[in-house]
Amino acid sequence: MNNVVCGDCWRRENLTFAQRLDPAFIRPGFAYLCAEHRACRAELLGRTEFGQTAA
């Protein structure tokens, strides 16, 4: 039970669509994200690969 799981992957697999939209289930800043979800968040936030904002 001590396996590290990507927070976004866990939400996709274990919550319904309505629950994913519910503010009660939205928790910012998961401790671990897989490479795919890390890249998605960086793209949405407009960051480059080293966490700096794009000009």
Protein backbone atom coordinates (compact mmCIF):
# COMPACT_ATOMS: atom_id res chain seq x y z
CA MET A 1 0.00 0.00 0.00
CA ASN A 2 3.07 2.25 0.03
CA ASN A 3 3.26 2.50 -3.76
CA VAL A 4 3.71 6.00 -5.16
CA VAL A 5 0.87 6.81 -7.54
CA CYS A 6 0.45 9.87 -9.74
CA GLY A 7 -2.27 12.05 -8.24
CA ASP A 8 -3.84 12.87 -11.62
CA CYS A 9 -3.83 9.22 -12.73
CA TRP A 10 -5.45 8.20 -9.44
CA ARG A 11 -8.18 10.81 -9.84
CA ARG A 12 -8.90 9.68 -13.42
CA GLU A 13 -9.16 6.02 -12.39
CA ASN A 14 -11.05 6.39 -9.10
CA LEU A 15 -13.36 9.39 -9.38
CA THR A 16 -16.39 9.90 -11.57
CA PHE A 17 -16.56 12.82 -13.98
CA ALA A 18 -18.84 14.74 -11.61
CA GLN A 19 -16.49 14.15 -8.69
CA ARG A 20 -13.51 15.40 -10.71
CA LEU A 21 -15.37 18.70 -11.24
CA ASP A 22 -16.45 18.99 -7.59
CA PRO A 23 -14.28 21.50 -5.65
CA ALA A 24 -14.34 19.17 -2.64
CA PHE A 25 -12.24 16.64 -4.59
CA ILE A 26 -9.78 19.15 -6.09
CA ARG A 27 -6.53 19.17 -4.18
CA PRO A 28 -3.75 21.35 -5.57
CA GLY A 29 -0.16 20.23 -5.50
CA PHE A 30 0.04 16.46 -5.44
CA ALA A 31 3.33 15.18 -4.08
CA TYR A 32 3.94 13.03 -7.16
CA LEU A 33 2.97 13.36 -10.80
CA CYS A 34 3.99 11.03 -13.61
CA ALA A 35 6.05 12.46 -16.47
CA GLU A 36 2.98 12.79 -18.71
CA HIS A 37 0.98 14.81 -16.19
CA ARG A 38 4.00 16.90 -15.17
CA ALA A 39 4.44 17.90 -18.83
CA CYS A 40 0.72 18.68 -19.19
CA ARG A 41 0.74 20.94 -16.13
CA ALA A 42 3.93 22.68 -17.25
CA GLU A 43 2.37 23.31 -20.66
CA LEU A 44 -0.83 24.70 -19.12
CA LEU A 45 1.16 26.97 -16.82
CA GLY A 46 3.41 28.13 -19.67
CA ARG A 47 6.59 26.85 -18.11
CA THR A 48 9.70 25.50 -19.74
CA GLU A 49 11.18 22.15 -18.73
CA PHE A 50 13.15 23.63 -15.81
CA GLY A 51 10.16 25.28 -14.15
CA GLN A 52 10.81 28.81 -15.41
CA THR A 53 8.10 30.83 -17.07
CA ALA A 54 8.27 31.28 -20.81
CA ALA A 55 8.82 34.81 -22.14
